[in-house]
Amino acid sequence: MNFNFKILTYSLLIILFTFLFLISCSDSNDSDSQKLISESNKKLTLEDKKIFGIESGIIKYAISGSQEGTRKLYFDDWGRNQAEYSNTTINIGEYSKKTNLLKITKGDDQYIIDLDKRTGTKRENPLIEKLFDLQGQVSHGDFGEQLVLINGGYKTGKEKIDGRNCTIYEFKNRHSKNWMWNWIMLKSEIHYGNMNITILADDIKENVSVPDSVFKFPPNVLITEVNTKSFQNHPKEPEY
């Protein structure tokens, strides 16, 4: 009798410990799953990224070739805030088009405004998509360098532009070469079919005070917010 009671007690203890162990494992797995879900839902942001290698600047570009005109770039906060004013005319064969654009990039948002039509779009900063692409990769060097490499750029040489040492990167998928200084493009050459465009910085001011007004919308502009995924289905604006 006592022997059978001991066996029964021993068996019950084994069952109890097994049950408690399974509950513990289940709680641990649930905790790990919740942690993974929480981490996957975290919004990627550029707030801790230095896009450029200098804090602020104002750069004026001359555009020649199949596209003619000017571009002026203002930036501060290491490139997280940018305002790019471009007034150009593109001529390819019988095709001709004038554009007067303002592109404002502030943190995680970007606005592209047609200054003549007084309309514009708001979208997520395209660099956020690059952050997704960079997830899980071993990062070496500056964030600006990572962006160049993930966009398919590879080094082909070095050259000075306006007395500044530039590294030349070729982007075969974009049919272009960029002369990069502190991860800022100072010169770009695009050769694609009958299109040949050169963009060259001819006035560079570094680490200067940039007025807040350049990052603000002009009056009477209608802004439409677009979904990033639907925006990706439209033809992409050339990046040069």
C-alpha atoms as a PDB file:
ATOM      1  CA  MET A   1       0.000   0.000   0.000  1.00  0.00           C
ATOM      2  CA  ASN A   2       2.710   2.436   1.031  1.00  0.00           C
ATOM      3  CA  PHE A   3       4.782   1.387  -1.987  1.00  0.00           C
ATOM      4  CA  ASN A   4       1.892   2.042  -4.400  1.00  0.00           C
ATOM      5  CA  PHE A   5       1.223   5.400  -2.729  1.00  0.00           C
ATOM      6  CA  LYS A   6       4.861   6.437  -3.196  1.00  0.00           C
ATOM      7  CA  ILE A   7       4.746   5.477  -6.874  1.00  0.00           C
ATOM      8  CA  LEU A   8       1.522   7.450  -7.356  1.00  0.00           C
ATOM      9  CA  THR A   9       2.983  10.500  -5.562  1.00  0.00           C
ATOM     10  CA  TYR A  10       6.175  10.287  -7.609  1.00  0.00           C
ATOM     11  CA  SER A  11       4.184  10.047 -10.855  1.00  0.00           C
ATOM     12  CA  LEU A  12       2.051  13.059  -9.931  1.00  0.00           C
ATOM     13  CA  LEU A  13       5.164  15.099  -9.157  1.00  0.00           C
ATOM     14  CA  ILE A  14       6.661  14.225 -12.556  1.00  0.00           C
ATOM     15  CA  ILE A  15       3.436  15.262 -14.294  1.00  0.00           C
ATOM     16  CA  LEU A  16       3.311  18.516 -12.313  1.00  0.00           C
ATOM     17  CA  PHE A  17       6.939  19.438 -13.081  1.00  0.00           C
ATOM     18  CA  THR A  18       6.425  18.582 -16.769  1.00  0.00           C
ATOM     19  CA  PHE A  19       3.319  20.778 -16.881  1.00  0.00           C
ATOM     20  CA  LEU A  20       5.142  23.701 -15.225  1.00  0.00           C
ATOM     21  CA  PHE A  21       8.095  23.288 -17.617  1.00  0.00           C
ATOM     22  CA  LEU A  22       5.796  23.393 -20.652  1.00  0.00           C
ATOM     23  CA  ILE A  23       4.080  26.535 -19.359  1.00  0.00           C
ATOM     24  CA  SER A  24       7.465  28.166 -18.779  1.00  0.00           C
ATOM     25  CA  CYS A  25       8.605  27.343 -22.332  1.00  0.00           C
ATOM     26  CA  SER A  26       5.328  28.607 -23.743  1.00  0.00           C
ATOM     27  CA  ASP A  27       5.659  31.911 -21.870  1.00  0.00           C
ATOM     28  CA  SER A  28       9.243  32.244 -23.084  1.00  0.00           C
ATOM     29  CA  ASN A  29       8.250  31.592 -26.700  1.00  0.00           C
ATOM     30  CA  ASP A  30       5.357  34.062 -26.439  1.00  0.00           C
ATOM     31  CA  SER A  31       7.710  36.651 -24.995  1.00  0.00           C
ATOM     32  CA  ASP A  32      10.229  36.079 -27.810  1.00  0.00           C
ATOM     33  CA  SER A  33       7.449  36.264 -30.409  1.00  0.00           C
ATOM     34  CA  GLN A  34       6.109  39.501 -28.927  1.00  0.00           C
ATOM     35  CA  LYS A  35       9.640  40.915 -28.908  1.00  0.00           C
ATOM     36  CA  LEU A  36      10.123  40.033 -32.590  1.00  0.00           C
ATOM     37  CA  ILE A  37       6.744  41.544 -33.499  1.00  0.00           C
ATOM     38  CA  SER A  38       7.552  44.669 -31.497  1.00  0.00           C
ATOM     39  CA  GLU A  39      10.936  45.049 -33.220  1.00  0.00           C
ATOM     40  CA  SER A  40       9.436  44.499 -36.679  1.00  0.00           C
ATOM     41  CA  ASN A  41       6.828  47.194 -35.997  1.00  0.00           C
ATOM     42  CA  LYS A  42       9.432  49.789 -35.047  1.00  0.00           C
ATOM     43  CA  LYS A  43       9.410  52.657 -37.522  1.00  0.00           C
ATOM     44  CA  LEU A  44      12.723  53.079 -39.253  1.00  0.00           C
ATOM     45  CA  THR A  45      13.930  56.657 -39.080  1.00  0.00           C
ATOM     46  CA  LEU A  46      16.829  58.768 -40.283  1.00  0.00           C
ATOM     47  CA  GLU A  47      16.994  60.851 -37.105  1.00  0.00           C
ATOM     48  CA  ASP A  48      20.359  59.362 -36.087  1.00  0.00           C
ATOM     49  CA  LYS A  49      21.877  59.141 -39.587  1.00  0.00           C
ATOM     50  CA  LYS A  50      24.385  61.538 -41.128  1.00  0.00           C
ATOM     51  CA  ILE A  51      23.510  61.670 -44.823  1.00  0.00           C
ATOM     52  CA  PHE A  52      26.455  63.944 -45.638  1.00  0.00           C
ATOM     53  CA  GLY A  53      29.912  64.295 -44.123  1.00  0.00           C
ATOM     54  CA  ILE A  54      29.484  67.989 -43.269  1.00  0.00           C
ATOM     55  CA  GLU A  55      26.761  69.584 -41.174  1.00  0.00           C
ATOM     56  CA  SER A  56      25.472  72.260 -43.537  1.00  0.00           C
ATOM     57  CA  GLY A  57      26.071  73.883 -46.885  1.00  0.00           C
ATOM     58  CA  ILE A  58      24.803  75.716 -49.944  1.00  0.00           C
ATOM     59  CA  ILE A  59      25.836  74.412 -53.367  1.00  0.00           C
ATOM     60  CA  LYS A  60      24.990  75.871 -56.758  1.00  0.00           C
ATOM     61  CA  TYR A  61      25.160  73.662 -59.857  1.00  0.00           C
ATOM     62  CA  ALA A  62      25.266  74.401 -63.580  1.00  0.00           C
ATOM     63  CA  ILE A  63      23.506  71.850 -65.797  1.00  0.00           C
ATOM     64  CA  SER A  64      24.497  71.451 -69.444  1.00  0.00           C
ATOM     65  CA  GLY A  65      23.993  69.108 -72.388  1.00  0.00           C
ATOM     66  CA  SER A  66      20.622  67.558 -73.136  1.00  0.00           C
ATOM     67  CA  GLN A  67      19.363  69.352 -70.043  1.00  0.00           C
ATOM     68  CA  GLU A  68      20.253  72.963 -69.338  1.00  0.00           C
ATOM     69  CA  GLY A  69      19.675  75.155 -66.334  1.00  0.00           C
ATOM     70  CA  THR A  70      20.605  75.580 -62.694  1.00  0.00           C
ATOM     71  CA  ARG A  71      20.166  73.777 -59.417  1.00  0.00           C
ATOM     72  CA  LYS A  72      20.746  75.048 -55.900  1.00  0.00           C
ATOM     73  CA  LEU A  73      20.995  72.767 -52.875  1.00  0.00           C
ATOM     74  CA  TYR A  74      20.596  73.947 -49.287  1.00  0.00           C
ATOM     75  CA  PHE A  75      21.106  71.514 -46.429  1.00  0.00           C
ATOM     76  CA  ASP A  76      21.659  71.345 -42.690  1.00  0.00           C
ATOM     77  CA  ASP A  77      21.482  68.778 -39.882  1.00  0.00           C
ATOM     78  CA  TRP A  78      24.018  66.612 -41.786  1.00  0.00           C
ATOM     79  CA  GLY A  79      21.739  66.395 -44.823  1.00  0.00           C
ATOM     80  CA  ARG A  80      18.596  65.314 -42.983  1.00  0.00           C
ATOM     81  CA  ASN A  81      17.084  68.641 -44.033  1.00  0.00           C
ATOM     82  CA  GLN A  82      17.458  69.531 -47.698  1.00  0.00           C
ATOM     83  CA  ALA A  83      15.905  72.007 -50.102  1.00  0.00           C
ATOM     84  CA  GLU A  84      16.766  71.656 -53.768  1.00  0.00           C
ATOM     85  CA  TYR A  85      15.625  74.325 -56.231  1.00  0.00           C
ATOM     86  CA  SER A  86      15.995  73.423 -59.915  1.00  0.00           C
ATOM     87  CA  ASN A  87      15.028  75.357 -63.018  1.00  0.00           C
ATOM     88  CA  THR A  88      15.845  73.403 -66.172  1.00  0.00           C
ATOM     89  CA  THR A  89      14.902  72.682 -69.750  1.00  0.00           C
ATOM     90  CA  ILE A  90      15.471  69.241 -71.225  1.00  0.00           C
ATOM     91  CA  ASN A  91      15.859  68.848 -75.000  1.00  0.00           C
ATOM     92  CA  ILE A  92      16.093  65.403 -76.585  1.00  0.00           C
ATOM     93  CA  GLY A  93      15.342  65.346 -80.305  1.00  0.00           C
ATOM     94  CA  GLU A  94      11.967  67.028 -80.816  1.00  0.00           C
ATOM     95  CA  TYR A  95      11.065  66.600 -77.158  1.00  0.00           C
ATOM     96  CA  SER A  96      11.426  69.646 -74.937  1.00  0.00           C
ATOM     97  CA  LYS A  97      10.208  70.272 -71.400  1.00  0.00           C
ATOM     98  CA  LYS A  98      10.770  73.024 -68.861  1.00  0.00           C
ATOM     99  CA  THR A  99      10.611  72.345 -65.146  1.00  0.00           C
ATOM    100  CA  ASN A 100      10.740  74.619 -62.126  1.00  0.00           C
ATOM    101  CA  LEU A 101      10.855  72.317 -59.113  1.00  0.00           C
ATOM    102  CA  LEU A 102      11.455  72.504 -55.387  1.00  0.00           C
ATOM    103  CA  LYS A 103      12.287  69.302 -53.520  1.00  0.00           C
ATOM    104  CA  ILE A 104      12.166  69.594 -49.737  1.00  0.00           C
ATOM    105  CA  THR A 105      13.411  66.713 -47.618  1.00  0.00           C
ATOM    106  CA  LYS A 106      12.843  67.053 -43.885  1.00  0.00           C
ATOM    107  CA  GLY A 107      13.733  64.041 -41.782  1.00  0.00           C
ATOM    108  CA  ASP A 108      11.549  61.115 -42.834  1.00  0.00           C
ATOM    109  CA  ASP A 109       9.342  63.077 -45.287  1.00  0.00           C
ATOM    110  CA  GLN A 110       9.905  64.466 -48.761  1.00  0.00           C
ATOM    111  CA  TYR A 111       7.921  67.028 -50.759  1.00  0.00           C
ATOM    112  CA  ILE A 112       8.243  67.622 -54.504  1.00  0.00           C
ATOM    113  CA  ILE A 113       6.637  70.878 -55.619  1.00  0.00           C
ATOM    114  CA  ASP A 114       6.037  72.249 -59.099  1.00  0.00           C
ATOM    115  CA  LEU A 115       6.564  75.960 -58.500  1.00  0.00           C
ATOM    116  CA  ASP A 116       4.815  76.957 -61.736  1.00  0.00           C
ATOM    117  CA  LYS A 117       1.711  74.829 -61.209  1.00  0.00           C
ATOM    118  CA  ARG A 118       1.697  75.413 -57.425  1.00  0.00           C
ATOM    119  CA  THR A 119       1.062  71.730 -56.779  1.00  0.00           C
ATOM    120  CA  GLY A 120       3.117  69.094 -55.055  1.00  0.00           C
ATOM    121  CA  THR A 121       3.275  65.658 -53.500  1.00  0.00           C
ATOM    122  CA  LYS A 122       4.312  64.418 -50.098  1.00  0.00           C
ATOM    123  CA  ARG A 123       5.862  60.984 -49.724  1.00  0.00           C
ATOM    124  CA  GLU A 124       8.091  59.048 -47.396  1.00  0.00           C
ATOM    125  CA  ASN A 125      11.767  59.931 -47.744  1.00  0.00           C
ATOM    126  CA  PRO A 126      13.126  57.393 -50.295  1.00  0.00           C
ATOM    127  CA  LEU A 127      16.109  56.807 -47.998  1.00  0.00           C
ATOM    128  CA  ILE A 128      13.771  54.992 -45.573  1.00  0.00           C
ATOM    129  CA  GLU A 129      13.494  52.233 -48.180  1.00  0.00           C
ATOM    130  CA  LYS A 130      17.293  52.045 -48.212  1.00  0.00           C
ATOM    131  CA  LEU A 131      17.246  51.522 -44.435  1.00  0.00           C
ATOM    132  CA  PHE A 132      15.088  48.440 -44.996  1.00  0.00           C
ATOM    133  CA  ASP A 133      17.571  47.207 -47.600  1.00  0.00           C
ATOM    134  CA  LEU A 134      20.445  47.738 -45.159  1.00  0.00           C
ATOM    135  CA  GLN A 135      18.780  45.838 -42.311  1.00  0.00           C
ATOM    136  CA  GLY A 136      20.646  42.696 -41.345  1.00  0.00           C
ATOM    137  CA  GLN A 137      23.758  43.731 -43.259  1.00  0.00           C
ATOM    138  CA  VAL A 138      27.114  44.298 -41.629  1.00  0.00           C
ATOM    139  CA  SER A 139      27.678  48.055 -41.878  1.00  0.00           C
ATOM    140  CA  HIS A 140      31.114  49.485 -42.555  1.00  0.00           C
ATOM    141  CA  GLY A 141      32.027  53.118 -43.109  1.00  0.00           C
ATOM    142  CA  ASP A 142      29.775  56.157 -43.186  1.00  0.00           C
ATOM    143  CA  PHE A 143      26.062  55.960 -43.838  1.00  0.00           C
ATOM    144  CA  GLY A 144      26.622  58.025 -46.989  1.00  0.00           C
ATOM    145  CA  GLU A 145      29.030  55.397 -48.266  1.00  0.00           C
ATOM    146  CA  GLN A 146      26.532  52.637 -47.512  1.00  0.00           C
ATOM    147  CA  LEU A 147      23.938  54.479 -49.611  1.00  0.00           C
ATOM    148  CA  VAL A 148      26.344  54.802 -52.539  1.00  0.00           C
ATOM    149  CA  LEU A 149      27.234  51.113 -52.422  1.00  0.00           C
ATOM    150  CA  ILE A 150      23.672  49.828 -52.026  1.00  0.00           C
ATOM    151  CA  ASN A 151      22.694  51.947 -55.055  1.00  0.00           C
ATOM    152  CA  GLY A 152      25.230  50.011 -57.108  1.00  0.00           C
ATOM    153  CA  GLY A 153      28.085  52.501 -57.097  1.00  0.00           C
ATOM    154  CA  TYR A 154      31.676  51.364 -57.361  1.00  0.00           C
ATOM    155  CA  LYS A 155      34.906  53.355 -57.286  1.00  0.00           C
ATOM    156  CA  THR A 156      36.587  54.174 -60.574  1.00  0.00           C
ATOM    157  CA  GLY A 157      39.034  56.924 -59.601  1.00  0.00           C
ATOM    158  CA  LYS A 158      39.681  60.238 -57.889  1.00  0.00           C
ATOM    159  CA  GLU A 159      39.636  63.848 -59.081  1.00  0.00           C
ATOM    160  CA  LYS A 160      39.495  67.331 -57.614  1.00  0.00           C
ATOM    161  CA  ILE A 161      36.419  69.501 -58.134  1.00  0.00           C
ATOM    162  CA  ASP A 162      36.817  73.139 -57.071  1.00  0.00           C
ATOM    163  CA  GLY A 163      39.863  72.133 -55.014  1.00  0.00           C
ATOM    164  CA  ARG A 164      38.031  69.357 -53.154  1.00  0.00           C
ATOM    165  CA  ASN A 165      39.133  65.732 -53.334  1.00  0.00           C
ATOM    166  CA  CYS A 166      36.351  63.657 -54.851  1.00  0.00           C
ATOM    167  CA  THR A 167      35.945  59.905 -55.286  1.00  0.00           C
ATOM    168  CA  ILE A 168      34.376  58.933 -58.605  1.00  0.00           C
ATOM    169  CA  TYR A 169      31.641  56.305 -58.439  1.00  0.00           C
ATOM    170  CA  GLU A 170      30.109  54.703 -61.505  1.00  0.00           C
ATOM    171  CA  PHE A 171      26.477  53.543 -61.459  1.00  0.00           C
ATOM    172  CA  LYS A 172      25.957  51.242 -64.418  1.00  0.00           C
ATOM    173  CA  ASN A 173      22.272  50.764 -63.633  1.00  0.00           C
ATOM    174  CA  ARG A 174      21.819  54.541 -63.914  1.00  0.00           C
ATOM    175  CA  HIS A 175      24.268  55.077 -66.782  1.00  0.00           C
ATOM    176  CA  SER A 176      26.009  57.735 -64.727  1.00  0.00           C
ATOM    177  CA  LYS A 177      29.161  58.712 -62.870  1.00  0.00           C
ATOM    178  CA  ASN A 178      29.141  60.806 -59.707  1.00  0.00           C
ATOM    179  CA  TRP A 179      32.043  62.738 -58.191  1.00  0.00           C
ATOM    180  CA  MET A 180      31.410  62.477 -54.424  1.00  0.00           C
ATOM    181  CA  TRP A 181      32.881  64.708 -51.721  1.00  0.00           C
ATOM    182  CA  ASN A 182      31.735  64.048 -48.144  1.00  0.00           C
ATOM    183  CA  TRP A 183      28.982  61.959 -49.805  1.00  0.00           C
ATOM    184  CA  ILE A 184      27.751  65.043 -51.610  1.00  0.00           C
ATOM    185  CA  MET A 185      27.610  64.969 -55.399  1.00  0.00           C
ATOM    186  CA  LEU A 186      29.766  67.746 -56.873  1.00  0.00           C
ATOM    187  CA  LYS A 187      29.684  66.503 -60.454  1.00  0.00           C
ATOM    188  CA  SER A 188      27.580  64.029 -62.382  1.00  0.00           C
ATOM    189  CA  GLU A 189      27.676  62.769 -65.950  1.00  0.00           C
ATOM    190  CA  ILE A 190      24.723  60.894 -67.432  1.00  0.00           C
ATOM    191  CA  HIS A 191      25.007  59.135 -70.779  1.00  0.00           C
ATOM    192  CA  TYR A 192      21.973  57.176 -71.925  1.00  0.00           C
ATOM    193  CA  GLY A 193      21.054  56.791 -75.574  1.00  0.00           C
ATOM    194  CA  ASN A 194      20.816  60.276 -77.055  1.00  0.00           C
ATOM    195  CA  MET A 195      20.793  61.869 -73.612  1.00  0.00           C
ATOM    196  CA  ASN A 196      24.014  63.421 -72.323  1.00  0.00           C
ATOM    197  CA  ILE A 197      23.853  65.593 -69.220  1.00  0.00           C
ATOM    198  CA  THR A 198      26.594  67.138 -67.087  1.00  0.00           C
ATOM    199  CA  ILE A 199      25.912  68.627 -63.665  1.00  0.00           C
ATOM    200  CA  LEU A 200      28.773  70.559 -62.099  1.00  0.00           C
ATOM    201  CA  ALA A 201      29.018  72.424 -58.795  1.00  0.00           C
ATOM    202  CA  ASP A 202      30.376  75.916 -59.454  1.00  0.00           C
ATOM    203  CA  ASP A 203      29.770  77.559 -56.078  1.00  0.00           C
ATOM    204  CA  ILE A 204      30.260  75.623 -52.823  1.00  0.00           C
ATOM    205  CA  LYS A 205      29.735  77.020 -49.338  1.00  0.00           C
ATOM    206  CA  GLU A 206      30.321  74.551 -46.505  1.00  0.00           C
ATOM    207  CA  ASN A 207      29.325  74.642 -42.831  1.00  0.00           C
ATOM    208  CA  VAL A 208      27.394  77.891 -43.206  1.00  0.00           C
ATOM    209  CA  SER A 209      24.197  79.096 -41.598  1.00  0.00           C
ATOM    210  CA  VAL A 210      21.214  78.064 -43.723  1.00  0.00           C
ATOM    211  CA  PRO A 211      17.990  80.076 -43.265  1.00  0.00           C
ATOM    212  CA  ASP A 212      14.933  78.082 -42.133  1.00  0.00           C
ATOM    213  CA  SER A 213      12.858  79.829 -44.793  1.00  0.00           C
ATOM    214  CA  VAL A 214      14.362  77.715 -47.595  1.00  0.00           C
ATOM    215  CA  PHE A 215      12.838  74.574 -46.067  1.00  0.00           C
ATOM    216  CA  LYS A 216       9.315  76.020 -45.992  1.00  0.00           C
ATOM    217  CA  PHE A 217       6.592  75.738 -48.625  1.00  0.00           C
ATOM    218  CA  PRO A 218       5.834  78.735 -50.796  1.00  0.00           C
ATOM    219  CA  PRO A 219       2.302  80.108 -50.324  1.00  0.00           C
ATOM    220  CA  ASN A 220      -0.761  78.719 -52.103  1.00  0.00           C
ATOM    221  CA  VAL A 221       0.602  75.269 -52.902  1.00  0.00           C
ATOM    222  CA  LEU A 222      -1.718  72.259 -52.982  1.00  0.00           C
ATOM    223  CA  ILE A 223       0.040  69.206 -51.482  1.00  0.00           C
ATOM    224  CA  THR A 224      -1.228  65.680 -52.135  1.00  0.00           C
ATOM    225  CA  GLU A 225       0.067  62.852 -49.958  1.00  0.00           C
ATOM    226  CA  VAL A 226       0.899  59.684 -51.861  1.00  0.00           C
ATOM    227  CA  ASN A 227       1.411  56.157 -50.616  1.00  0.00           C
ATOM    228  CA  THR A 228       5.027  55.062 -51.010  1.00  0.00           C
ATOM    229  CA  LYS A 229       4.073  51.727 -52.589  1.00  0.00           C
ATOM    230  CA  SER A 230       1.771  53.316 -55.138  1.00  0.00           C
ATOM    231  CA  PHE A 231       4.429  55.959 -55.833  1.00  0.00           C
ATOM    232  CA  GLN A 232       6.885  53.187 -56.672  1.00  0.00           C
ATOM    233  CA  ASN A 233       4.592  52.138 -59.536  1.00  0.00           C
ATOM    234  CA  HIS A 234       5.137  55.500 -61.233  1.00  0.00           C
ATOM    235  CA  PRO A 235       8.224  56.308 -63.278  1.00  0.00           C
ATOM    236  CA  LYS A 236      11.014  57.233 -60.892  1.00  0.00           C
ATOM    237  CA  GLU A 237      12.614  60.618 -60.894  1.00  0.00           C
ATOM    238  CA  PRO A 238      16.225  60.382 -62.029  1.00  0.00           C
ATOM    239  CA  GLU A 239      18.647  60.459 -59.106  1.00  0.00           C
ATOM    240  CA  TYR A 240      21.709  62.486 -60.000  1.00  0.00           C
END
